[in-house]
Amino acid sequence: MAGYFELMKSSDGQFRFVLKAGNHETILTSELYKTKASAENGIESVQKNCSDSSRYEKKVALNGKHYFNLKAANHQIIGSSQMYASEAACEGGIESVKTNGKSTTVKDSTG
């Protein structure tokens, strides 16, 4: 099964999206957006930027876990990964975003 985006509305009325792999695991989470259209633009930005290795910023949290941010051409963060126990697992997450981020399937849960 291919990956997909899930668009949702938070309790405070803002919007966000997550990119899920085919196994339904969340691999990228967006920032909060004030409008649904802005969140949809964020999804388009993932689709456009996910194949470019230079758009991934790998980081290590204070607790030693690895994560990454996917950035747009203007260096704005489009989305962030979960925390990974190892650098290798983090690299696997990046590869998953590269594969699944091109998906055009958007499950709209905003009601």
PDB file of N, CA and C in Angstrom:
ATOM      1  N   MET A   1       0.830  -1.184   0.000  1.00  0.00           N
ATOM      2  CA  MET A   1       0.000   0.000   0.000  1.00  0.00           C
ATOM      3  C   MET A   1       0.877   1.249   0.000  1.00  0.00           C
ATOM      4  N   ALA A   2       0.463   2.228  -0.756  1.00  0.00           N
ATOM      5  CA  ALA A   2       1.234   3.466  -0.877  1.00  0.00           C
ATOM      6  C   ALA A   2       0.961   4.389   0.309  1.00  0.00           C
ATOM      7  N   GLY A   3       1.856   5.323   0.502  1.00  0.00           N
ATOM      8  CA  GLY A   3       1.690   6.313   1.552  1.00  0.00           C
ATOM      9  C   GLY A   3       0.603   7.310   1.198  1.00  0.00           C
ATOM     10  N   TYR A   4       0.262   8.150   2.186  1.00  0.00           N
ATOM     11  CA  TYR A   4      -0.780   9.145   1.981  1.00  0.00           C
ATOM     12  C   TYR A   4      -0.633  10.268   3.002  1.00  0.00           C
ATOM     13  N   PHE A   5      -1.287  11.372   2.704  1.00  0.00           N
ATOM     14  CA  PHE A   5      -1.337  12.499   3.624  1.00  0.00           C
ATOM     15  C   PHE A   5      -2.676  12.469   4.347  1.00  0.00           C
ATOM     16  N   GLU A   6      -2.660  12.859   5.615  1.00  0.00           N
ATOM     17  CA  GLU A   6      -3.899  13.024   6.360  1.00  0.00           C
ATOM     18  C   GLU A   6      -3.956  14.473   6.829  1.00  0.00           C
ATOM     19  N   LEU A   7      -5.002  15.151   6.430  1.00  0.00           N
ATOM     20  CA  LEU A   7      -5.209  16.554   6.769  1.00  0.00           C
ATOM     21  C   LEU A   7      -6.204  16.613   7.912  1.00  0.00           C
ATOM     22  N   MET A   8      -5.861  17.328   8.982  1.00  0.00           N
ATOM     23  CA  MET A   8      -6.733  17.350  10.151  1.00  0.00           C
ATOM     24  C   MET A   8      -6.810  18.744  10.759  1.00  0.00           C
ATOM     25  N   LYS A   9      -7.820  18.934  11.592  1.00  0.00           N
ATOM     26  CA  LYS A   9      -8.035  20.196  12.284  1.00  0.00           C
ATOM     27  C   LYS A   9      -7.805  19.959  13.770  1.00  0.00           C
ATOM     28  N   SER A  10      -7.035  20.825  14.404  1.00  0.00           N
ATOM     29  CA  SER A  10      -6.763  20.669  15.841  1.00  0.00           C
ATOM     30  C   SER A  10      -7.880  21.305  16.659  1.00  0.00           C
ATOM     31  N   SER A  11      -7.864  21.061  17.949  1.00  0.00           N
ATOM     32  CA  SER A  11      -8.922  21.546  18.830  1.00  0.00           C
ATOM     33  C   SER A  11      -9.003  23.072  18.877  1.00  0.00           C
ATOM     34  N   ASP A  12      -7.906  23.752  18.553  1.00  0.00           N
ATOM     35  CA  ASP A  12      -7.921  25.221  18.568  1.00  0.00           C
ATOM     36  C   ASP A  12      -8.264  25.813  17.193  1.00  0.00           C
ATOM     37  N   GLY A  13      -8.684  24.954  16.267  1.00  0.00           N
ATOM     38  CA  GLY A  13      -9.131  25.439  14.963  1.00  0.00           C
ATOM     39  C   GLY A  13      -8.040  25.560  13.913  1.00  0.00           C
ATOM     40  N   GLN A  14      -6.807  25.228  14.252  1.00  0.00           N
ATOM     41  CA  GLN A  14      -5.722  25.279  13.276  1.00  0.00           C
ATOM     42  C   GLN A  14      -5.635  23.944  12.531  1.00  0.00           C
ATOM     43  N   PHE A  15      -4.888  23.959  11.446  1.00  0.00           N
ATOM     44  CA  PHE A  15      -4.783  22.782  10.583  1.00  0.00           C
ATOM     45  C   PHE A  15      -3.363  22.248  10.576  1.00  0.00           C
ATOM     46  N   ARG A  16      -3.255  20.941  10.342  1.00  0.00           N
ATOM     47  CA  ARG A  16      -1.956  20.294  10.205  1.00  0.00           C
ATOM     48  C   ARG A  16      -2.137  19.095   9.295  1.00  0.00           C
ATOM     49  N   PHE A  17      -1.017  18.578   8.827  1.00  0.00           N
ATOM     50  CA  PHE A  17      -1.075  17.332   8.072  1.00  0.00           C
ATOM     51  C   PHE A  17       0.017  16.411   8.564  1.00  0.00           C
ATOM     52  N   VAL A  18      -0.198  15.134   8.347  1.00  0.00           N
ATOM     53  CA  VAL A  18       0.835  14.137   8.595  1.00  0.00           C
ATOM     54  C   VAL A  18       0.994  13.327   7.317  1.00  0.00           C
ATOM     55  N   LEU A  19       2.200  12.886   7.079  1.00  0.00           N
ATOM     56  CA  LEU A  19       2.479  11.957   5.988  1.00  0.00           C
ATOM     57  C   LEU A  19       2.609  10.584   6.619  1.00  0.00           C
ATOM     58  N   LYS A  20       1.840   9.642   6.092  1.00  0.00           N
ATOM     59  CA  LYS A  20       1.877   8.282   6.629  1.00  0.00           C
ATOM     60  C   LYS A  20       2.400   7.332   5.565  1.00  0.00           C
ATOM     61  N   ALA A  21       3.178   6.366   6.008  1.00  0.00           N
ATOM     62  CA  ALA A  21       3.673   5.320   5.114  1.00  0.00           C
ATOM     63  C   ALA A  21       2.534   4.346   4.842  1.00  0.00           C
ATOM     64  N   GLY A  22       2.758   3.434   3.930  1.00  0.00           N
ATOM     65  CA  GLY A  22       1.747   2.443   3.575  1.00  0.00           C
ATOM     66  C   GLY A  22       1.273   1.600   4.747  1.00  0.00           C
ATOM     67  N   ASN A  23       2.117   1.472   5.780  1.00  0.00           N
ATOM     68  CA  ASN A  23       1.741   0.691   6.968  1.00  0.00           C
ATOM     69  C   ASN A  23       1.026   1.560   8.014  1.00  0.00           C
ATOM     70  N   HIS A  24       0.661   2.786   7.630  1.00  0.00           N
ATOM     71  CA  HIS A  24      -0.079   3.748   8.462  1.00  0.00           C
ATOM     72  C   HIS A  24       0.768   4.389   9.562  1.00  0.00           C
ATOM     73  N   GLU A  25       2.080   4.168   9.547  1.00  0.00           N
ATOM     74  CA  GLU A  25       2.969   4.823  10.511  1.00  0.00           C
ATOM     75  C   GLU A  25       3.206   6.264  10.072  1.00  0.00           C
ATOM     76  N   THR A  26       3.133   7.198  11.016  1.00  0.00           N
ATOM     77  CA  THR A  26       3.409   8.609  10.712  1.00  0.00           C
ATOM     78  C   THR A  26       4.906   8.787  10.510  1.00  0.00           C
ATOM     79  N   ILE A  27       5.278   9.382   9.368  1.00  0.00           N
ATOM     80  CA  ILE A  27       6.705   9.590   9.083  1.00  0.00           C
ATOM     81  C   ILE A  27       7.082  11.064   8.993  1.00  0.00           C
ATOM     82  N   LEU A  28       6.084  11.955   8.904  1.00  0.00           N
ATOM     83  CA  LEU A  28       6.360  13.393   8.873  1.00  0.00           C
ATOM     84  C   LEU A  28       5.133  14.121   9.403  1.00  0.00           C
ATOM     85  N   THR A  29       5.354  15.100  10.280  1.00  0.00           N
ATOM     86  CA  THR A  29       4.274  15.895  10.854  1.00  0.00           C
ATOM     87  C   THR A  29       4.538  17.361  10.565  1.00  0.00           C
ATOM     88  N   SER A  30       3.498  18.063  10.111  1.00  0.00           N
ATOM     89  CA  SER A  30       3.660  19.474   9.771  1.00  0.00           C
ATOM     90  C   SER A  30       3.566  20.358  11.005  1.00  0.00           C
ATOM     91  N   GLU A  31       3.881  21.610  10.793  1.00  0.00           N
ATOM     92  CA  GLU A  31       3.618  22.653  11.775  1.00  0.00           C
ATOM     93  C   GLU A  31       2.117  22.929  11.732  1.00  0.00           C
ATOM     94  N   LEU A  32       1.626  23.787  12.608  1.00  0.00           N
ATOM     95  CA  LEU A  32       0.217  24.190  12.569  1.00  0.00           C
ATOM     96  C   LEU A  32       0.041  25.349  11.594  1.00  0.00           C
ATOM     97  N   TYR A  33      -1.073  25.326  10.880  1.00  0.00           N
ATOM     98  CA  TYR A  33      -1.411  26.378   9.918  1.00  0.00           C
ATOM     99  C   TYR A  33      -2.729  27.003  10.333  1.00  0.00           C
ATOM    100  N   LYS A  34      -2.878  28.297  10.075  1.00  0.00           N
ATOM    101  CA  LYS A  34      -4.106  28.998  10.426  1.00  0.00           C
ATOM    102  C   LYS A  34      -5.255  28.665   9.481  1.00  0.00           C
ATOM    103  N   THR A  35      -4.943  28.318   8.229  1.00  0.00           N
ATOM    104  CA  THR A  35      -5.998  28.013   7.265  1.00  0.00           C
ATOM    105  C   THR A  35      -5.766  26.644   6.626  1.00  0.00           C
ATOM    106  N   LYS A  36      -6.857  26.054   6.174  1.00  0.00           N
ATOM    107  CA  LYS A  36      -6.790  24.771   5.484  1.00  0.00           C
ATOM    108  C   LYS A  36      -5.979  24.906   4.191  1.00  0.00           C
ATOM    109  N   ALA A  37      -6.174  26.024   3.485  1.00  0.00           N
ATOM    110  CA  ALA A  37      -5.437  26.244   2.232  1.00  0.00           C
ATOM    111  C   ALA A  37      -3.930  26.262   2.471  1.00  0.00           C
ATOM    112  N   SER A  38      -3.503  26.846   3.573  1.00  0.00           N
ATOM    113  CA  SER A  38      -2.068  26.871   3.901  1.00  0.00           C
ATOM    114  C   SER A  38      -1.546  25.467   4.160  1.00  0.00           C
ATOM    115  N   ALA A  39      -2.332  24.645   4.849  1.00  0.00           N
ATOM    116  CA  ALA A  39      -1.928  23.257   5.094  1.00  0.00           C
ATOM    117  C   ALA A  39      -1.853  22.489   3.778  1.00  0.00           C
ATOM    118  N   GLU A  40      -2.803  22.741   2.885  1.00  0.00           N
ATOM    119  CA  GLU A  40      -2.775  22.090   1.565  1.00  0.00           C
ATOM    120  C   GLU A  40      -1.550  22.525   0.770  1.00  0.00           C
ATOM    121  N   ASN A  41      -1.148  23.786   0.904  1.00  0.00           N
ATOM    122  CA  ASN A  41       0.083  24.253   0.265  1.00  0.00           C
ATOM    123  C   ASN A  41       1.296  23.544   0.857  1.00  0.00           C
ATOM    124  N   GLY A  42       1.243  23.264   2.163  1.00  0.00           N
ATOM    125  CA  GLY A  42       2.321  22.517   2.815  1.00  0.00           C
ATOM    126  C   GLY A  42       2.453  21.119   2.234  1.00  0.00           C
ATOM    127  N   ILE A  43       1.323  20.467   1.969  1.00  0.00           N
ATOM    128  CA  ILE A  43       1.337  19.139   1.350  1.00  0.00           C
ATOM    129  C   ILE A  43       1.981  19.219  -0.031  1.00  0.00           C
ATOM    130  N   GLU A  44       1.603  20.228  -0.806  1.00  0.00           N
ATOM    131  CA  GLU A  44       2.207  20.415  -2.133  1.00  0.00           C
ATOM    132  C   GLU A  44       3.710  20.637  -2.025  1.00  0.00           C
ATOM    133  N   SER A  45       4.133  21.336  -0.991  1.00  0.00           N
ATOM    134  CA  SER A  45       5.557  21.587  -0.788  1.00  0.00           C
ATOM    135  C   SER A  45       6.304  20.290  -0.475  1.00  0.00           C
ATOM    136  N   VAL A  46       5.691  19.408   0.313  1.00  0.00           N
ATOM    137  CA  VAL A  46       6.299  18.094   0.576  1.00  0.00           C
ATOM    138  C   VAL A  46       6.449  17.346  -0.749  1.00  0.00           C
ATOM    139  N   GLN A  47       5.377  17.320  -1.531  1.00  0.00           N
ATOM    140  CA  GLN A  47       5.396  16.600  -2.803  1.00  0.00           C
ATOM    141  C   GLN A  47       6.508  17.118  -3.712  1.00  0.00           C
ATOM    142  N   LYS A  48       6.736  18.422  -3.684  1.00  0.00           N
ATOM    143  CA  LYS A  48       7.738  19.047  -4.550  1.00  0.00           C
ATOM    144  C   LYS A  48       9.162  18.862  -4.031  1.00  0.00           C
ATOM    145  N   ASN A  49       9.342  18.885  -2.720  1.00  0.00           N
ATOM    146  CA  ASN A  49      10.692  18.900  -2.133  1.00  0.00           C
ATOM    147  C   ASN A  49      11.204  17.567  -1.611  1.00  0.00           C
ATOM    148  N   CYS A  50      10.329  16.570  -1.492  1.00  0.00           N
ATOM    149  CA  CYS A  50      10.721  15.330  -0.805  1.00  0.00           C
ATOM    150  C   CYS A  50      11.820  14.545  -1.516  1.00  0.00           C
ATOM    151  N   SER A  51      11.977  14.706  -2.813  1.00  0.00           N
ATOM    152  CA  SER A  51      12.990  13.939  -3.546  1.00  0.00           C
ATOM    153  C   SER A  51      14.390  14.531  -3.445  1.00  0.00           C
ATOM    154  N   ASP A  52      14.495  15.760  -2.984  1.00  0.00           N
ATOM    155  CA  ASP A  52      15.768  16.486  -2.957  1.00  0.00           C
ATOM    156  C   ASP A  52      16.483  16.263  -1.617  1.00  0.00           C
ATOM    157  N   SER A  53      17.565  15.505  -1.654  1.00  0.00           N
ATOM    158  CA  SER A  53      18.310  15.185  -0.419  1.00  0.00           C
ATOM    159  C   SER A  53      18.787  16.419   0.328  1.00  0.00           C
ATOM    160  N   SER A  54      19.052  17.506  -0.392  1.00  0.00           N
ATOM    161  CA  SER A  54      19.554  18.719   0.261  1.00  0.00           C
ATOM    162  C   SER A  54      18.480  19.413   1.098  1.00  0.00           C
ATOM    163  N   ARG A  55      17.245  19.005   0.976  1.00  0.00           N
ATOM    164  CA  ARG A  55      16.139  19.616   1.726  1.00  0.00           C
ATOM    165  C   ARG A  55      15.976  19.004   3.122  1.00  0.00           C
ATOM    166  N   TYR A  56      16.741  17.956   3.423  1.00  0.00           N
ATOM    167  CA  TYR A  56      16.621  17.287   4.724  1.00  0.00           C
ATOM    168  C   TYR A  56      17.708  17.782   5.669  1.00  0.00           C
ATOM    169  N   GLU A  57      17.287  18.210   6.834  1.00  0.00           N
ATOM    170  CA  GLU A  57      18.209  18.658   7.869  1.00  0.00           C
ATOM    171  C   GLU A  57      18.162  17.633   8.997  1.00  0.00           C
ATOM    172  N   LYS A  58      19.271  16.910   9.171  1.00  0.00           N
ATOM    173  CA  LYS A  58      19.332  15.888  10.221  1.00  0.00           C
ATOM    174  C   LYS A  58      19.801  16.533  11.523  1.00  0.00           C
ATOM    175  N   LYS A  59      19.158  16.146  12.617  1.00  0.00           N
ATOM    176  CA  LYS A  59      19.451  16.731  13.922  1.00  0.00           C
ATOM    177  C   LYS A  59      19.545  15.631  14.975  1.00  0.00           C
ATOM    178  N   VAL A  60      20.132  15.987  16.110  1.00  0.00           N
ATOM    179  CA  VAL A  60      20.166  15.107  17.280  1.00  0.00           C
ATOM    180  C   VAL A  60      19.586  15.900  18.447  1.00  0.00           C
ATOM    181  N   ALA A  61      18.570  15.331  19.071  1.00  0.00           N
ATOM    182  CA  ALA A  61      17.921  15.986  20.210  1.00  0.00           C
ATOM    183  C   ALA A  61      18.806  15.881  21.452  1.00  0.00           C
ATOM    184  N   LEU A  62      18.467  16.643  22.459  1.00  0.00           N
ATOM    185  CA  LEU A  62      19.236  16.623  23.710  1.00  0.00           C
ATOM    186  C   LEU A  62      19.279  15.241  24.347  1.00  0.00           C
ATOM    187  N   ASN A  63      18.245  14.422  24.082  1.00  0.00           N
ATOM    188  CA  ASN A  63      18.210  13.076  24.654  1.00  0.00           C
ATOM    189  C   ASN A  63      18.996  12.070  23.807  1.00  0.00           C
ATOM    190  N   GLY A  64      19.693  12.551  22.757  1.00  0.00           N
ATOM    191  CA  GLY A  64      20.523  11.679  21.934  1.00  0.00           C
ATOM    192  C   GLY A  64      19.788  11.014  20.783  1.00  0.00           C
ATOM    193  N   LYS A  65      18.482  11.235  20.683  1.00  0.00           N
ATOM    194  CA  LYS A  65      17.712  10.631  19.593  1.00  0.00           C
ATOM    195  C   LYS A  65      17.862  11.476  18.325  1.00  0.00           C
ATOM    196  N   HIS A  66      17.718  10.795  17.202  1.00  0.00           N
ATOM    197  CA  HIS A  66      17.887  11.425  15.903  1.00  0.00           C
ATOM    198  C   HIS A  66      16.532  11.777  15.303  1.00  0.00           C
ATOM    199  N   TYR A  67      16.488  12.885  14.556  1.00  0.00           N
ATOM    200  CA  TYR A  67      15.280  13.263  13.823  1.00  0.00           C
ATOM    201  C   TYR A  67      15.693  14.135  12.650  1.00  0.00           C
ATOM    202  N   PHE A  68      14.733  14.454  11.801  1.00  0.00           N
ATOM    203  CA  PHE A  68      15.033  15.326  10.666  1.00  0.00           C
ATOM    204  C   PHE A  68      13.879  16.274  10.406  1.00  0.00           C
ATOM    205  N   ASN A  69      14.224  17.375   9.756  1.00  0.00           N
ATOM    206  CA  ASN A  69      13.249  18.331   9.259  1.00  0.00           C
ATOM    207  C   ASN A  69      13.345  18.334   7.743  1.00  0.00           C
ATOM    208  N   LEU A  70      12.193  18.426   7.088  1.00  0.00           N
ATOM    209  CA  LEU A  70      12.150  18.631   5.646  1.00  0.00           C
ATOM    210  C   LEU A  70      11.898  20.115   5.438  1.00  0.00           C
ATOM    211  N   LYS A  71      12.761  20.750   4.643  1.00  0.00           N
ATOM    212  CA  LYS A  71      12.671  22.193   4.438  1.00  0.00           C
ATOM    213  C   LYS A  71      12.362  22.520   2.986  1.00  0.00           C
ATOM    214  N   ALA A  72      11.667  23.630   2.799  1.00  0.00           N
ATOM    215  CA  ALA A  72      11.381  24.141   1.461  1.00  0.00           C
ATOM    216  C   ALA A  72      12.592  24.915   0.948  1.00  0.00           C
ATOM    217  N   ALA A  73      12.520  25.360  -0.293  1.00  0.00           N
ATOM    218  CA  ALA A  73      13.622  26.114  -0.900  1.00  0.00           C
ATOM    219  C   ALA A  73      13.941  27.385  -0.112  1.00  0.00           C
ATOM    220  N   ASN A  74      12.937  27.951   0.557  1.00  0.00           N
ATOM    221  CA  ASN A  74      13.150  29.175   1.342  1.00  0.00           C
ATOM    222  C   ASN A  74      13.644  28.870   2.760  1.00  0.00           C
ATOM    223  N   HIS A  75      13.994  27.614   3.021  1.00  0.00           N
ATOM    224  CA  HIS A  75      14.544  27.131   4.301  1.00  0.00           C
ATOM    225  C   HIS A  75      13.515  27.054   5.421  1.00  0.00           C
ATOM    226  N   GLN A  76      12.233  27.248   5.111  1.00  0.00           N
ATOM    227  CA  GLN A  76      11.172  27.077   6.100  1.00  0.00           C
ATOM    228  C   GLN A  76      10.948  25.579   6.321  1.00  0.00           C
ATOM    229  N   ILE A  77      10.719  25.186   7.557  1.00  0.00           N
ATOM    230  CA  ILE A  77      10.442  23.786   7.857  1.00  0.00           C
ATOM    231  C   ILE A  77       9.029  23.440   7.388  1.00  0.00           C
ATOM    232  N   ILE A  78       8.930  22.406   6.568  1.00  0.00           N
ATOM    233  CA  ILE A  78       7.637  21.920   6.096  1.00  0.00           C
ATOM    234  C   ILE A  78       7.090  20.897   7.090  1.00  0.00           C
ATOM    235  N   GLY A  79       7.967  20.032   7.565  1.00  0.00           N
ATOM    236  CA  GLY A  79       7.549  19.000   8.497  1.00  0.00           C
ATOM    237  C   GLY A  79       8.734  18.406   9.229  1.00  0.00           C
ATOM    238  N   SER A  80       8.429  17.721  10.324  1.00  0.00           N
ATOM    239  CA  SER A  80       9.456  17.099  11.158  1.00  0.00           C
ATOM    240  C   SER A  80       9.126  15.632  11.367  1.00  0.00           C
ATOM    241  N   SER A  81      10.175  14.853  11.545  1.00  0.00           N
ATOM    242  CA  SER A  81      10.008  13.413  11.753  1.00  0.00           C
ATOM    243  C   SER A  81       9.776  13.106  13.219  1.00  0.00           C
ATOM    244  N   GLN A  82       9.544  11.846  13.473  1.00  0.00           N
ATOM    245  CA  GLN A  82       9.526  11.331  14.835  1.00  0.00           C
ATOM    246  C   GLN A  82      10.975  11.221  15.303  1.00  0.00           C
ATOM    247  N   MET A  83      11.165  10.821  16.538  1.00  0.00           N
ATOM    248  CA  MET A  83      12.504  10.588  17.074  1.00  0.00           C
ATOM    249  C   MET A  83      12.916   9.146  16.771  1.00  0.00           C
ATOM    250  N   TYR A  84      14.160   8.981  16.392  1.00  0.00           N
ATOM    251  CA  TYR A  84      14.698   7.656  16.075  1.00  0.00           C
ATOM    252  C   TYR A  84      15.849   7.341  17.015  1.00  0.00           C
ATOM    253  N   ALA A  85      15.992   6.066  17.365  1.00  0.00           N
ATOM    254  CA  ALA A  85      17.033   5.634  18.290  1.00  0.00           C
ATOM    255  C   ALA A  85      18.425   5.698  17.668  1.00  0.00           C
ATOM    256  N   SER A  86      18.504   5.555  16.333  1.00  0.00           N
ATOM    257  CA  SER A  86      19.818   5.539  15.688  1.00  0.00           C
ATOM    258  C   SER A  86      19.814   6.403  14.441  1.00  0.00           C
ATOM    259  N   GLU A  87      21.009   6.772  14.013  1.00  0.00           N
ATOM    260  CA  GLU A  87      21.157   7.550  12.781  1.00  0.00           C
ATOM    261  C   GLU A  87      20.685   6.730  11.588  1.00  0.00           C
ATOM    262  N   ALA A  88      20.941   5.435  11.610  1.00  0.00           N
ATOM    263  CA  ALA A  88      20.511   4.567  10.505  1.00  0.00           C
ATOM    264  C   ALA A  88      18.991   4.538  10.389  1.00  0.00           C
ATOM    265  N   ALA A  89      18.306   4.473  11.518  1.00  0.00           N
ATOM    266  CA  ALA A  89      16.838   4.479  11.492  1.00  0.00           C
ATOM    267  C   ALA A  89      16.319   5.813  10.970  1.00  0.00           C
ATOM    268  N   CYS A  90      16.991   6.892  11.331  1.00  0.00           N
ATOM    269  CA  CYS A  90      16.634   8.221  10.845  1.00  0.00           C
ATOM    270  C   CYS A  90      16.794   8.292   9.323  1.00  0.00           C
ATOM    271  N   GLU A  91      17.877   7.731   8.817  1.00  0.00           N
ATOM    272  CA  GLU A  91      18.094   7.677   7.362  1.00  0.00           C
ATOM    273  C   GLU A  91      16.971   6.889   6.687  1.00  0.00           C
ATOM    274  N   GLY A  92      16.527   5.819   7.323  1.00  0.00           N
ATOM    275  CA  GLY A  92      15.411   5.041   6.799  1.00  0.00           C
ATOM    276  C   GLY A  92      14.137   5.871   6.742  1.00  0.00           C
ATOM    277  N   GLY A  93      13.936   6.715   7.736  1.00  0.00           N
ATOM    278  CA  GLY A  93      12.785   7.618   7.749  1.00  0.00           C
ATOM    279  C   GLY A  93      12.827   8.602   6.596  1.00  0.00           C
ATOM    280  N   ILE A  94      14.016   9.129   6.315  1.00  0.00           N
ATOM    281  CA  ILE A  94      14.185  10.045   5.181  1.00  0.00           C
ATOM    282  C   ILE A  94      13.841   9.329   3.882  1.00  0.00           C
ATOM    283  N   GLU A  95      14.339   8.115   3.725  1.00  0.00           N
ATOM    284  CA  GLU A  95      14.038   7.350   2.504  1.00  0.00           C
ATOM    285  C   GLU A  95      12.539   7.097   2.378  1.00  0.00           C
ATOM    286  N   SER A  96      11.880   6.862   3.495  1.00  0.00           N
ATOM    287  CA  SER A  96      10.437   6.645   3.469  1.00  0.00           C
ATOM    288  C   SER A  96       9.694   7.907   3.029  1.00  0.00           C
ATOM    289  N   VAL A  97      10.135   9.079   3.504  1.00  0.00           N
ATOM    290  CA  VAL A  97       9.515  10.333   3.077  1.00  0.00           C
ATOM    291  C   VAL A  97       9.773  10.561   1.591  1.00  0.00           C
ATOM    292  N   LYS A  98      10.984  10.243   1.135  1.00  0.00           N
ATOM    293  CA  LYS A  98      11.282  10.394  -0.295  1.00  0.00           C
ATOM    294  C   LYS A  98      10.344   9.539  -1.147  1.00  0.00           C
ATOM    295  N   THR A  99      10.045   8.340  -0.678  1.00  0.00           N
ATOM    296  CA  THR A  99       9.168   7.426  -1.406  1.00  0.00           C
ATOM    297  C   THR A  99       7.704   7.821  -1.289  1.00  0.00           C
ATOM    298  N   ASN A 100       7.249   8.068  -0.063  1.00  0.00           N
ATOM    299  CA  ASN A 100       5.827   8.300   0.184  1.00  0.00           C
ATOM    300  C   ASN A 100       5.385   9.749   0.012  1.00  0.00           C
ATOM    301  N   GLY A 101       6.340  10.671   0.047  1.00  0.00           N
ATOM    302  CA  GLY A 101       5.996  12.094  -0.038  1.00  0.00           C
ATOM    303  C   GLY A 101       5.447  12.539  -1.374  1.00  0.00           C
ATOM    304  N   LYS A 102       5.620  11.726  -2.389  1.00  0.00           N
ATOM    305  CA  LYS A 102       5.102  12.061  -3.718  1.00  0.00           C
ATOM    306  C   LYS A 102       3.621  11.717  -3.848  1.00  0.00           C
ATOM    307  N   SER A 103       3.066  11.070  -2.855  1.00  0.00           N
ATOM    308  CA  SER A 103       1.675  10.614  -2.909  1.00  0.00           C
ATOM    309  C   SER A 103       0.730  11.775  -3.182  1.00  0.00           C
ATOM    310  N   THR A 104      -0.287  11.520  -3.986  1.00  0.00           N
ATOM    311  CA  THR A 104      -1.324  12.515  -4.236  1.00  0.00           C
ATOM    312  C   THR A 104      -2.592  12.196  -3.461  1.00  0.00           C
ATOM    313  N   THR A 105      -2.558  11.159  -2.636  1.00  0.00           N
ATOM    314  CA  THR A 105      -3.713  10.775  -1.830  1.00  0.00           C
ATOM    315  C   THR A 105      -3.745  11.620  -0.559  1.00  0.00           C
ATOM    316  N   VAL A 106      -4.841  12.366  -0.382  1.00  0.00           N
ATOM    317  CA  VAL A 106      -5.026  13.178   0.817  1.00  0.00           C
ATOM    318  C   VAL A 106      -6.335  12.776   1.462  1.00  0.00           C
ATOM    319  N   LYS A 107      -6.240  12.286   2.697  1.00  0.00           N
ATOM    320  CA  LYS A 107      -7.440  11.937   3.462  1.00  0.00           C
ATOM    321  C   LYS A 107      -7.788  13.142   4.324  1.00  0.00           C
ATOM    322  N   ASP A 108      -8.883  13.788   3.994  1.00  0.00           N
ATOM    323  CA  ASP A 108      -9.285  15.024   4.663  1.00  0.00           C
ATOM    324  C   ASP A 108     -10.172  14.701   5.862  1.00  0.00           C
ATOM    325  N   SER A 109      -9.655  14.910   7.064  1.00  0.00           N
ATOM    326  CA  SER A 109     -10.397  14.640   8.298  1.00  0.00           C
ATOM    327  C   SER A 109     -10.855  15.927   8.971  1.00  0.00           C
ATOM    328  N   THR A 110     -10.885  17.025   8.214  1.00  0.00           N
ATOM    329  CA  THR A 110     -11.196  18.320   8.826  1.00  0.00           C
ATOM    330  C   THR A 110     -12.681  18.520   9.053  1.00  0.00           C
ATOM    331  N   GLY A 111     -13.513  17.638   8.464  1.00  0.00           N
ATOM    332  CA  GLY A 111     -14.957  17.710   8.678  1.00  0.00           C
ATOM    333  C   GLY A 111     -15.514  18.867   7.969  1.00  0.00           C
TER     334      GLY A 111
END
